[in-house]
Amino acid sequence: MSLKQELQSWVITHQARRLKLEQFDFPASLQGSNKVIVTLPEGIHTNSLLLRMVGELPVVFPSSDLLIIVPVGCTEVSRKTGIHAMSPDLYSNNWLGLPKKSFLEKVKNYSASIAIDFETRKNIFNAMVMLASGACVRVGLSGVWDMPIHNVQIKAEYATDELKIYRSFVDIISQIQLESVMFGLDT
């Protein structure tokens, strides 16, 4: 592990310790969510199938305002999904390769109640966004990040095929949201 990676890990650990843990009802906390942040994996601009799956999220969260946080260089996500996207392209990263405080403040000011991370590997950028989001429900794939970065972990049915993992992830989130609406759970 390089010095830069060690410093990035230290920043994540330090930020995670500062995070206030909040109690929430699950899955009731998914129903009626006003704002949802979605983080996508690096290289997303080449994966149009995942973008179509992400495009289904407005159906899953119909009364929510969705914001996609995309890695640097993913400028067409908004056009392909129809969902507003924000990227640190316009903001330079700090010397560690992490987004500057001004970008993370914009993420925090969005005041999301749910954050969903589609990354299948440890991604420092997505971890920083999840921590900065302030969302009490931070959903991610099992085995990527532990508490407190992902406080709801979903185990996908598949282990190696990323597209099947994404499909399973979206289907599970859809099912949880549908059940919370069907049974009239309140937040």
N, C-alpha and C. Protein backbone atom coordinates (compact mmCIF):
# COMPACT_ATOMS: atom_id res chain seq x y z
N MET A 1 0.85 -1.17 0.00
CA MET A 1 0.00 0.00 0.00
C MET A 1 0.90 1.24 0.00
N SER A 2 0.62 2.16 -0.90
CA SER A 2 1.43 3.37 -1.01
C SER A 2 1.08 4.35 0.12
N LEU A 3 1.94 5.32 0.29
CA LEU A 3 1.70 6.34 1.31
C LEU A 3 0.38 7.07 1.05
N LYS A 4 0.12 7.37 -0.22
CA LYS A 4 -1.12 8.06 -0.58
C LYS A 4 -2.33 7.23 -0.17
N GLN A 5 -2.31 5.93 -0.45
CA GLN A 5 -3.42 5.05 -0.09
C GLN A 5 -3.57 4.94 1.43
N GLU A 6 -2.45 4.89 2.14
CA GLU A 6 -2.52 4.84 3.60
C GLU A 6 -3.13 6.11 4.16
N LEU A 7 -2.76 7.26 3.60
CA LEU A 7 -3.33 8.52 4.05
C LEU A 7 -4.82 8.61 3.72
N GLN A 8 -5.21 8.12 2.55
CA GLN A 8 -6.63 8.09 2.19
C GLN A 8 -7.40 7.22 3.18
N SER A 9 -6.88 6.06 3.51
CA SER A 9 -7.54 5.18 4.49
C SER A 9 -7.64 5.85 5.85
N TRP A 10 -6.60 6.58 6.24
CA TRP A 10 -6.63 7.28 7.51
C TRP A 10 -7.73 8.34 7.51
N VAL A 11 -7.87 9.08 6.39
CA VAL A 11 -8.91 10.11 6.28
C VAL A 11 -10.29 9.46 6.42
N ILE A 12 -10.51 8.34 5.74
CA ILE A 12 -11.80 7.64 5.83
C ILE A 12 -12.07 7.21 7.27
N THR A 13 -11.08 6.61 7.91
CA THR A 13 -11.25 6.17 9.30
C THR A 13 -11.54 7.34 10.21
N HIS A 14 -10.84 8.44 10.02
CA HIS A 14 -11.05 9.64 10.84
C HIS A 14 -12.46 10.21 10.63
N GLN A 15 -12.90 10.30 9.37
CA GLN A 15 -14.24 10.80 9.07
C GLN A 15 -15.31 9.87 9.63
N ALA A 16 -15.08 8.56 9.52
CA ALA A 16 -16.06 7.60 10.02
C ALA A 16 -16.24 7.71 11.53
N ARG A 17 -15.16 7.99 12.26
CA ARG A 17 -15.25 8.14 13.71
C ARG A 17 -16.06 9.36 14.11
N ARG A 18 -16.06 10.38 13.26
CA ARG A 18 -16.78 11.62 13.56
C ARG A 18 -18.27 11.52 13.24
N LEU A 19 -18.67 10.48 12.54
CA LEU A 19 -20.05 10.31 12.11
C LEU A 19 -20.95 9.97 13.30
N LYS A 20 -22.04 10.72 13.43
CA LYS A 20 -23.01 10.43 14.48
C LYS A 20 -23.90 9.29 13.99
N LEU A 21 -23.97 8.25 14.76
CA LEU A 21 -24.83 7.13 14.41
C LEU A 21 -26.24 7.43 14.88
N GLU A 22 -27.20 7.23 13.98
CA GLU A 22 -28.59 7.50 14.29
C GLU A 22 -29.39 6.23 14.20
N GLN A 23 -30.39 6.13 15.04
CA GLN A 23 -31.28 4.98 14.99
C GLN A 23 -32.33 5.23 13.92
N PHE A 24 -32.67 4.17 13.18
CA PHE A 24 -33.70 4.30 12.16
C PHE A 24 -34.47 2.99 12.08
N ASP A 25 -35.71 3.10 11.62
CA ASP A 25 -36.54 1.92 11.41
C ASP A 25 -36.33 1.43 9.99
N PHE A 26 -36.04 0.14 9.87
CA PHE A 26 -35.83 -0.42 8.54
C PHE A 26 -36.84 -1.53 8.33
N PRO A 27 -37.54 -1.56 7.26
CA PRO A 27 -37.44 -0.79 6.03
C PRO A 27 -38.32 0.45 6.00
N ALA A 28 -39.00 0.75 7.09
CA ALA A 28 -39.91 1.89 7.11
C ALA A 28 -39.21 3.20 6.75
N SER A 29 -37.93 3.31 7.05
CA SER A 29 -37.22 4.54 6.77
C SER A 29 -37.04 4.79 5.27
N LEU A 30 -37.25 3.77 4.45
CA LEU A 30 -37.16 3.96 3.00
C LEU A 30 -38.41 4.61 2.42
N GLN A 31 -39.54 4.39 3.07
CA GLN A 31 -40.79 4.94 2.55
C GLN A 31 -40.86 6.44 2.78
N GLY A 32 -41.23 7.15 1.77
CA GLY A 32 -41.42 8.59 1.89
C GLY A 32 -40.13 9.38 2.01
N SER A 33 -39.05 8.78 1.58
CA SER A 33 -37.77 9.48 1.63
C SER A 33 -37.81 10.67 0.68
N ASN A 34 -37.45 11.84 1.19
CA ASN A 34 -37.51 13.04 0.36
C ASN A 34 -36.35 13.15 -0.61
N LYS A 35 -35.14 12.83 -0.14
CA LYS A 35 -33.95 12.99 -0.98
C LYS A 35 -33.08 11.74 -0.89
N VAL A 36 -32.63 11.29 -2.05
CA VAL A 36 -31.80 10.10 -2.14
C VAL A 36 -30.55 10.44 -2.94
N ILE A 37 -29.39 10.07 -2.39
CA ILE A 37 -28.12 10.20 -3.12
C ILE A 37 -27.70 8.81 -3.58
N VAL A 38 -27.25 8.73 -4.81
CA VAL A 38 -26.77 7.48 -5.38
C VAL A 38 -25.33 7.69 -5.85
N THR A 39 -24.42 6.85 -5.38
CA THR A 39 -23.04 6.92 -5.86
C THR A 39 -22.81 5.75 -6.82
N LEU A 40 -22.12 6.02 -7.90
CA LEU A 40 -21.87 5.02 -8.92
C LEU A 40 -20.40 4.63 -8.93
N PRO A 41 -20.11 3.46 -9.45
CA PRO A 41 -18.71 3.01 -9.48
C PRO A 41 -17.88 3.74 -10.52
N GLU A 42 -16.56 3.68 -10.35
CA GLU A 42 -15.66 4.23 -11.35
C GLU A 42 -15.87 3.46 -12.66
N GLY A 43 -15.69 4.13 -13.77
CA GLY A 43 -15.87 3.48 -15.07
C GLY A 43 -17.32 3.38 -15.48
N ILE A 44 -18.21 4.07 -14.80
CA ILE A 44 -19.63 3.97 -15.07
C ILE A 44 -19.99 4.44 -16.47
N HIS A 45 -19.25 5.38 -17.02
CA HIS A 45 -19.59 5.94 -18.32
C HIS A 45 -19.55 4.90 -19.42
N THR A 46 -18.90 3.75 -19.18
CA THR A 46 -18.86 2.70 -20.19
C THR A 46 -19.91 1.63 -19.96
N ASN A 47 -20.69 1.75 -18.92
CA ASN A 47 -21.63 0.70 -18.55
C ASN A 47 -23.06 1.18 -18.71
N SER A 48 -23.57 1.13 -19.93
CA SER A 48 -24.92 1.64 -20.18
C SER A 48 -25.99 0.75 -19.55
N LEU A 49 -25.73 -0.53 -19.35
CA LEU A 49 -26.72 -1.40 -18.71
C LEU A 49 -26.94 -0.99 -17.25
N LEU A 50 -25.86 -0.67 -16.54
CA LEU A 50 -26.02 -0.19 -15.16
C LEU A 50 -26.76 1.14 -15.14
N LEU A 51 -26.47 2.00 -16.10
CA LEU A 51 -27.17 3.28 -16.14
C LEU A 51 -28.66 3.09 -16.36
N ARG A 52 -29.05 2.10 -17.15
CA ARG A 52 -30.48 1.81 -17.31
C ARG A 52 -31.09 1.33 -16.00
N MET A 53 -30.35 0.52 -15.25
CA MET A 53 -30.85 0.06 -13.95
C MET A 53 -30.99 1.23 -12.99
N VAL A 54 -30.01 2.12 -12.98
CA VAL A 54 -30.08 3.31 -12.12
C VAL A 54 -31.26 4.18 -12.55
N GLY A 55 -31.56 4.21 -13.85
CA GLY A 55 -32.70 4.95 -14.36
C GLY A 55 -34.04 4.45 -13.83
N GLU A 56 -34.06 3.24 -13.26
CA GLU A 56 -35.28 2.68 -12.65
C GLU A 56 -35.55 3.25 -11.26
N LEU A 57 -34.56 3.86 -10.64
CA LEU A 57 -34.71 4.32 -9.26
C LEU A 57 -35.83 5.34 -9.06
N PRO A 58 -36.12 6.24 -10.02
CA PRO A 58 -37.26 7.13 -9.81
C PRO A 58 -38.59 6.38 -9.68
N VAL A 59 -38.68 5.19 -10.24
CA VAL A 59 -39.89 4.37 -10.08
C VAL A 59 -39.90 3.74 -8.69
N VAL A 60 -38.72 3.36 -8.20
CA VAL A 60 -38.60 2.74 -6.88
C VAL A 60 -38.87 3.77 -5.78
N PHE A 61 -38.39 5.00 -5.98
CA PHE A 61 -38.59 6.09 -5.02
C PHE A 61 -39.36 7.21 -5.71
N PRO A 62 -40.66 7.02 -5.97
CA PRO A 62 -41.40 7.97 -6.80
C PRO A 62 -41.56 9.37 -6.20
N SER A 63 -41.59 9.49 -4.91
CA SER A 63 -41.81 10.82 -4.31
C SER A 63 -40.50 11.47 -3.88
N SER A 64 -39.40 10.90 -4.32
CA SER A 64 -38.09 11.39 -3.88
C SER A 64 -37.40 12.22 -4.95
N ASP A 65 -36.54 13.09 -4.48
CA ASP A 65 -35.64 13.85 -5.33
C ASP A 65 -34.32 13.09 -5.33
N LEU A 66 -33.92 12.56 -6.48
CA LEU A 66 -32.70 11.77 -6.57
C LEU A 66 -31.54 12.60 -7.11
N LEU A 67 -30.36 12.35 -6.58
CA LEU A 67 -29.13 12.99 -7.04
C LEU A 67 -28.08 11.91 -7.18
N ILE A 68 -27.49 11.82 -8.37
CA ILE A 68 -26.42 10.87 -8.61
C ILE A 68 -25.10 11.59 -8.46
N ILE A 69 -24.22 11.01 -7.65
CA ILE A 69 -22.87 11.54 -7.51
C ILE A 69 -21.98 10.63 -8.36
N VAL A 70 -21.38 11.22 -9.38
CA VAL A 70 -20.59 10.41 -10.31
C VAL A 70 -19.11 10.75 -10.18
N PRO A 71 -18.27 9.77 -10.47
CA PRO A 71 -16.83 10.02 -10.44
C PRO A 71 -16.42 11.00 -11.53
N VAL A 72 -15.21 11.46 -11.43
CA VAL A 72 -14.66 12.40 -12.41
C VAL A 72 -14.74 11.79 -13.82
N GLY A 73 -15.18 12.59 -14.77
CA GLY A 73 -15.22 12.16 -16.17
C GLY A 73 -16.52 11.53 -16.62
N CYS A 74 -17.52 11.45 -15.77
CA CYS A 74 -18.79 10.82 -16.14
C CYS A 74 -19.84 11.91 -16.38
N THR A 75 -19.68 12.63 -17.46
CA THR A 75 -20.52 13.80 -17.68
C THR A 75 -21.87 13.48 -18.32
N GLU A 76 -22.05 12.33 -18.93
CA GLU A 76 -23.28 12.03 -19.65
C GLU A 76 -24.29 11.23 -18.83
N VAL A 77 -24.01 10.98 -17.57
CA VAL A 77 -24.91 10.17 -16.74
C VAL A 77 -26.29 10.81 -16.65
N SER A 78 -26.34 12.10 -16.47
CA SER A 78 -27.61 12.80 -16.35
C SER A 78 -28.46 12.63 -17.61
N ARG A 79 -27.83 12.75 -18.75
CA ARG A 79 -28.55 12.61 -20.02
C ARG A 79 -29.04 11.17 -20.22
N LYS A 80 -28.25 10.19 -19.82
CA LYS A 80 -28.60 8.78 -20.04
C LYS A 80 -29.64 8.26 -19.06
N THR A 81 -29.69 8.83 -17.85
CA THR A 81 -30.62 8.33 -16.84
C THR A 81 -31.82 9.23 -16.63
N GLY A 82 -31.70 10.50 -16.97
CA GLY A 82 -32.77 11.45 -16.70
C GLY A 82 -32.78 11.92 -15.26
N ILE A 83 -31.75 11.60 -14.51
CA ILE A 83 -31.64 11.98 -13.10
C ILE A 83 -30.52 13.00 -12.98
N HIS A 84 -30.74 14.02 -12.16
CA HIS A 84 -29.71 15.05 -11.95
C HIS A 84 -28.44 14.40 -11.40
N ALA A 85 -27.29 14.79 -11.95
CA ALA A 85 -26.01 14.24 -11.51
C ALA A 85 -25.06 15.37 -11.13
N MET A 86 -24.20 15.08 -10.18
CA MET A 86 -23.19 16.03 -9.74
C MET A 86 -21.85 15.31 -9.72
N SER A 87 -20.83 15.98 -10.22
CA SER A 87 -19.50 15.39 -10.31
C SER A 87 -18.46 16.39 -9.82
N PRO A 88 -17.35 15.89 -9.29
CA PRO A 88 -16.30 16.81 -8.87
C PRO A 88 -15.46 17.30 -10.04
N ASP A 89 -15.91 17.09 -11.29
CA ASP A 89 -15.14 17.56 -12.45
C ASP A 89 -14.78 19.03 -12.32
N LEU A 90 -15.74 19.82 -11.89
CA LEU A 90 -15.52 21.25 -11.81
C LEU A 90 -14.71 21.65 -10.58
N TYR A 91 -14.56 20.73 -9.69
CA TYR A 91 -13.84 20.99 -8.44
C TYR A 91 -12.58 20.13 -8.45
N SER A 92 -11.48 20.70 -8.18
CA SER A 92 -10.26 19.89 -8.17
C SER A 92 -10.19 19.08 -6.89
N ASN A 93 -9.53 17.94 -6.98
CA ASN A 93 -9.32 17.12 -5.80
C ASN A 93 -8.15 17.67 -5.01
N ASN A 94 -8.05 17.28 -3.75
CA ASN A 94 -6.90 17.68 -2.96
C ASN A 94 -5.69 16.81 -3.32
N TRP A 95 -4.58 17.02 -2.68
CA TRP A 95 -3.35 16.32 -3.04
C TRP A 95 -3.42 14.82 -2.75
N LEU A 96 -4.40 14.38 -1.96
CA LEU A 96 -4.58 12.95 -1.71
C LEU A 96 -5.48 12.29 -2.75
N GLY A 97 -6.03 13.09 -3.65
CA GLY A 97 -6.94 12.53 -4.65
C GLY A 97 -8.37 12.45 -4.15
N LEU A 98 -8.65 13.07 -3.02
CA LEU A 98 -9.99 13.08 -2.44
C LEU A 98 -10.68 14.39 -2.81
N PRO A 99 -12.02 14.38 -2.88
CA PRO A 99 -12.72 15.62 -3.20
C PRO A 99 -12.48 16.67 -2.12
N LYS A 100 -12.37 17.90 -2.56
CA LYS A 100 -12.16 19.00 -1.62
C LYS A 100 -13.40 19.22 -0.76
N LYS A 101 -13.20 19.93 0.31
CA LYS A 101 -14.26 20.20 1.28
C LYS A 101 -15.46 20.90 0.63
N SER A 102 -15.22 21.76 -0.35
CA SER A 102 -16.33 22.48 -1.00
C SER A 102 -17.28 21.52 -1.72
N PHE A 103 -16.75 20.48 -2.34
CA PHE A 103 -17.60 19.49 -3.00
C PHE A 103 -18.38 18.69 -1.97
N LEU A 104 -17.70 18.26 -0.91
CA LEU A 104 -18.37 17.49 0.14
C LEU A 104 -19.43 18.31 0.87
N GLU A 105 -19.23 19.62 0.97
CA GLU A 105 -20.25 20.50 1.57
C GLU A 105 -21.51 20.52 0.70
N LYS A 106 -21.36 20.51 -0.61
CA LYS A 106 -22.53 20.47 -1.50
C LYS A 106 -23.29 19.17 -1.32
N VAL A 107 -22.56 18.07 -1.15
CA VAL A 107 -23.19 16.78 -0.89
C VAL A 107 -23.95 16.84 0.43
N LYS A 108 -23.32 17.38 1.46
CA LYS A 108 -23.94 17.49 2.79
C LYS A 108 -25.17 18.39 2.75
N ASN A 109 -25.08 19.51 2.05
CA ASN A 109 -26.19 20.47 1.99
C ASN A 109 -27.40 19.92 1.23
N TYR A 110 -27.22 18.87 0.48
CA TYR A 110 -28.35 18.23 -0.21
C TYR A 110 -29.33 17.63 0.80
N SER A 111 -28.85 17.28 1.99
CA SER A 111 -29.66 16.75 3.10
C SER A 111 -30.41 15.48 2.72
N ALA A 112 -29.69 14.50 2.24
CA ALA A 112 -30.30 13.23 1.85
C ALA A 112 -30.70 12.42 3.07
N SER A 113 -31.79 11.67 2.94
CA SER A 113 -32.18 10.76 4.00
C SER A 113 -31.69 9.34 3.72
N ILE A 114 -31.41 9.04 2.44
CA ILE A 114 -30.89 7.73 2.04
C ILE A 114 -29.72 7.95 1.08
N ALA A 115 -28.68 7.16 1.25
CA ALA A 115 -27.55 7.15 0.31
C ALA A 115 -27.35 5.70 -0.14
N ILE A 116 -27.26 5.51 -1.44
CA ILE A 116 -27.11 4.16 -2.01
C ILE A 116 -25.80 4.14 -2.79
N ASP A 117 -24.94 3.18 -2.46
CA ASP A 117 -23.62 3.05 -3.09
C ASP A 117 -23.61 1.81 -3.97
N PHE A 118 -23.40 2.00 -5.28
CA PHE A 118 -23.38 0.89 -6.22
C PHE A 118 -21.99 0.30 -6.44
N GLU A 119 -20.99 0.75 -5.73
CA GLU A 119 -19.63 0.26 -5.95
C GLU A 119 -19.49 -1.17 -5.45
N THR A 120 -18.79 -2.00 -6.22
CA THR A 120 -18.56 -3.40 -5.84
C THR A 120 -17.19 -3.60 -5.20
N ARG A 121 -16.37 -2.56 -5.18
CA ARG A 121 -15.05 -2.61 -4.56
C ARG A 121 -14.91 -1.40 -3.63
N LYS A 122 -13.88 -1.43 -2.79
CA LYS A 122 -13.65 -0.27 -1.93
C LYS A 122 -13.24 0.91 -2.80
N ASN A 123 -13.98 1.98 -2.68
CA ASN A 123 -13.73 3.19 -3.45
C ASN A 123 -13.73 4.35 -2.47
N ILE A 124 -12.58 4.98 -2.32
CA ILE A 124 -12.42 6.05 -1.34
C ILE A 124 -13.36 7.22 -1.63
N PHE A 125 -13.52 7.58 -2.91
CA PHE A 125 -14.39 8.69 -3.29
C PHE A 125 -15.82 8.42 -2.82
N ASN A 126 -16.36 7.22 -3.12
CA ASN A 126 -17.72 6.89 -2.72
C ASN A 126 -17.87 6.85 -1.20
N ALA A 127 -16.84 6.35 -0.51
CA ALA A 127 -16.89 6.33 0.96
C ALA A 127 -16.98 7.74 1.52
N MET A 128 -16.21 8.66 0.95
CA MET A 128 -16.25 10.06 1.41
C MET A 128 -17.64 10.66 1.16
N VAL A 129 -18.23 10.37 0.00
CA VAL A 129 -19.57 10.88 -0.31
C VAL A 129 -20.59 10.30 0.66
N MET A 130 -20.51 8.99 0.93
CA MET A 130 -21.45 8.37 1.86
C MET A 130 -21.37 9.02 3.24
N LEU A 131 -20.15 9.25 3.71
CA LEU A 131 -19.98 9.87 5.02
C LEU A 131 -20.44 11.32 5.03
N ALA A 132 -20.17 12.04 3.94
CA ALA A 132 -20.54 13.46 3.88
C ALA A 132 -22.03 13.66 3.66
N SER A 133 -22.72 12.65 3.15
CA SER A 133 -24.13 12.80 2.80
C SER A 133 -25.01 13.13 4.00
N GLY A 134 -24.63 12.65 5.16
CA GLY A 134 -25.45 12.88 6.34
C GLY A 134 -26.70 12.00 6.38
N ALA A 135 -26.83 11.10 5.41
CA ALA A 135 -28.00 10.22 5.35
C ALA A 135 -27.96 9.23 6.52
N CYS A 136 -29.12 9.03 7.16
CA CYS A 136 -29.13 8.07 8.27
C CYS A 136 -29.14 6.63 7.75
N VAL A 137 -29.61 6.41 6.52
CA VAL A 137 -29.59 5.08 5.90
C VAL A 137 -28.59 5.12 4.75
N ARG A 138 -27.51 4.34 4.91
CA ARG A 138 -26.46 4.29 3.88
C ARG A 138 -26.35 2.85 3.40
N VAL A 139 -26.90 2.59 2.22
CA VAL A 139 -27.02 1.24 1.69
C VAL A 139 -25.86 0.93 0.76
N GLY A 140 -25.29 -0.26 0.92
CA GLY A 140 -24.21 -0.70 0.04
C GLY A 140 -24.18 -2.21 -0.05
N LEU A 141 -23.36 -2.69 -0.94
CA LEU A 141 -23.21 -4.13 -1.10
C LEU A 141 -22.42 -4.72 0.06
N SER A 142 -22.83 -5.88 0.50
CA SER A 142 -22.17 -6.57 1.59
C SER A 142 -20.72 -6.88 1.20
N GLY A 143 -19.82 -6.66 2.13
CA GLY A 143 -18.43 -6.98 1.92
C GLY A 143 -17.60 -5.86 1.31
N VAL A 144 -18.22 -4.74 0.98
CA VAL A 144 -17.45 -3.62 0.41
C VAL A 144 -16.95 -2.74 1.56
N TRP A 145 -17.85 -2.06 2.25
CA TRP A 145 -17.50 -1.25 3.42
C TRP A 145 -18.36 -1.74 4.57
N ASP A 146 -17.81 -1.69 5.76
CA ASP A 146 -18.57 -2.05 6.95
C ASP A 146 -19.16 -0.79 7.57
N MET A 147 -19.71 -0.95 8.77
CA MET A 147 -20.20 0.19 9.53
C MET A 147 -19.04 1.12 9.78
N PRO A 148 -19.23 2.38 9.83
CA PRO A 148 -20.46 3.13 9.66
C PRO A 148 -20.70 3.61 8.23
N ILE A 149 -19.79 3.29 7.30
CA ILE A 149 -19.97 3.79 5.94
C ILE A 149 -21.24 3.22 5.32
N HIS A 150 -21.42 1.91 5.39
CA HIS A 150 -22.68 1.27 4.97
C HIS A 150 -23.33 0.70 6.22
N ASN A 151 -24.43 1.29 6.64
CA ASN A 151 -25.11 0.73 7.81
C ASN A 151 -26.24 -0.22 7.42
N VAL A 152 -26.53 -0.34 6.13
CA VAL A 152 -27.41 -1.36 5.60
C VAL A 152 -26.65 -2.03 4.47
N GLN A 153 -26.37 -3.32 4.65
CA GLN A 153 -25.60 -4.04 3.64
C GLN A 153 -26.47 -5.09 2.99
N ILE A 154 -26.45 -5.10 1.66
CA ILE A 154 -27.25 -6.04 0.89
C ILE A 154 -26.33 -7.04 0.23
N LYS A 155 -26.62 -8.32 0.45
CA LYS A 155 -25.84 -9.38 -0.18
C LYS A 155 -26.52 -9.73 -1.49
N ALA A 156 -25.80 -9.51 -2.58
CA ALA A 156 -26.33 -9.83 -3.91
C ALA A 156 -26.34 -11.34 -4.10
N GLU A 157 -27.24 -11.79 -4.97
CA GLU A 157 -27.35 -13.22 -5.24
C GLU A 157 -26.13 -13.76 -5.99
N TYR A 158 -25.42 -12.91 -6.67
CA TYR A 158 -24.29 -13.34 -7.50
C TYR A 158 -23.00 -12.81 -6.90
N ALA A 159 -21.90 -13.48 -7.20
CA ALA A 159 -20.62 -13.08 -6.61
C ALA A 159 -19.62 -12.52 -7.61
N THR A 160 -19.71 -12.89 -8.87
CA THR A 160 -18.66 -12.49 -9.80
C THR A 160 -19.13 -11.62 -10.96
N ASP A 161 -20.30 -11.80 -11.46
CA ASP A 161 -20.79 -11.04 -12.61
C ASP A 161 -21.34 -9.70 -12.13
N GLU A 162 -20.63 -8.59 -12.43
CA GLU A 162 -21.03 -7.29 -11.90
C GLU A 162 -22.43 -6.88 -12.35
N LEU A 163 -22.79 -7.12 -13.61
CA LEU A 163 -24.13 -6.74 -14.07
C LEU A 163 -25.21 -7.49 -13.31
N LYS A 164 -24.99 -8.76 -13.03
CA LYS A 164 -25.97 -9.53 -12.25
C LYS A 164 -26.00 -9.04 -10.80
N ILE A 165 -24.85 -8.63 -10.28
CA ILE A 165 -24.81 -8.08 -8.93
C ILE A 165 -25.64 -6.79 -8.88
N TYR A 166 -25.45 -5.90 -9.85
CA TYR A 166 -26.21 -4.65 -9.90
C TYR A 166 -27.71 -4.93 -10.04
N ARG A 167 -28.07 -5.88 -10.93
CA ARG A 167 -29.49 -6.20 -11.13
C ARG A 167 -30.10 -6.71 -9.83
N SER A 168 -29.38 -7.60 -9.15
CA SER A 168 -29.85 -8.14 -7.88
C SER A 168 -29.98 -7.03 -6.84
N PHE A 169 -29.02 -6.12 -6.80
CA PHE A 169 -29.02 -5.00 -5.85
C PHE A 169 -30.24 -4.12 -6.07
N VAL A 170 -30.50 -3.74 -7.32
CA VAL A 170 -31.66 -2.90 -7.63
C VAL A 170 -32.95 -3.64 -7.31
N ASP A 171 -33.02 -4.93 -7.63
CA ASP A 171 -34.23 -5.71 -7.34
C ASP A 171 -34.49 -5.80 -5.85
N ILE A 172 -33.44 -6.00 -5.05
CA ILE A 172 -33.63 -6.09 -3.59
C ILE A 172 -34.08 -4.75 -3.03
N ILE A 173 -33.46 -3.66 -3.46
CA ILE A 173 -33.89 -2.33 -3.00
C ILE A 173 -35.34 -2.08 -3.40
N SER A 174 -35.70 -2.46 -4.62
CA SER A 174 -37.09 -2.29 -5.10
C SER A 174 -38.05 -3.10 -4.23
N GLN A 175 -37.68 -4.32 -3.92
CA GLN A 175 -38.54 -5.18 -3.11
C GLN A 175 -38.71 -4.63 -1.70
N ILE A 176 -37.62 -4.15 -1.11
CA ILE A 176 -37.71 -3.56 0.24
C ILE A 176 -38.61 -2.33 0.21
N GLN A 177 -38.44 -1.48 -0.78
CA GLN A 177 -39.25 -0.26 -0.91
C GLN A 177 -40.71 -0.63 -1.14
N LEU A 178 -40.97 -1.61 -2.00
CA LEU A 178 -42.33 -2.04 -2.29
C LEU A 178 -43.01 -2.58 -1.04
N GLU A 179 -42.30 -3.41 -0.28
CA GLU A 179 -42.88 -3.97 0.93
C GLU A 179 -43.17 -2.89 1.97
N SER A 180 -42.29 -1.90 2.07
CA SER A 180 -42.53 -0.84 3.05
C SER A 180 -43.76 0.00 2.66
N VAL A 181 -44.00 0.15 1.35
CA VAL A 181 -45.18 0.90 0.88
C VAL A 181 -46.44 0.05 1.02
N MET A 182 -46.34 -1.25 0.67
CA MET A 182 -47.51 -2.14 0.71
C MET A 182 -48.06 -2.28 2.13
N PHE A 183 -47.18 -2.36 3.09
CA PHE A 183 -47.63 -2.57 4.46
C PHE A 183 -47.86 -1.27 5.21
N GLY A 184 -47.72 -0.14 4.51
CA GLY A 184 -48.05 1.15 5.10
C GLY A 184 -47.18 1.53 6.27
N LEU A 185 -45.91 1.16 6.20
CA LEU A 185 -45.01 1.50 7.30
C LEU A 185 -44.73 2.98 7.25
N ASP A 186 -44.73 3.61 8.38
CA ASP A 186 -44.45 5.05 8.47
C ASP A 186 -43.07 5.27 9.03
N THR A 187 -42.46 6.38 8.60
CA THR A 187 -41.14 6.75 9.13
C THR A 187 -41.27 7.46 10.44
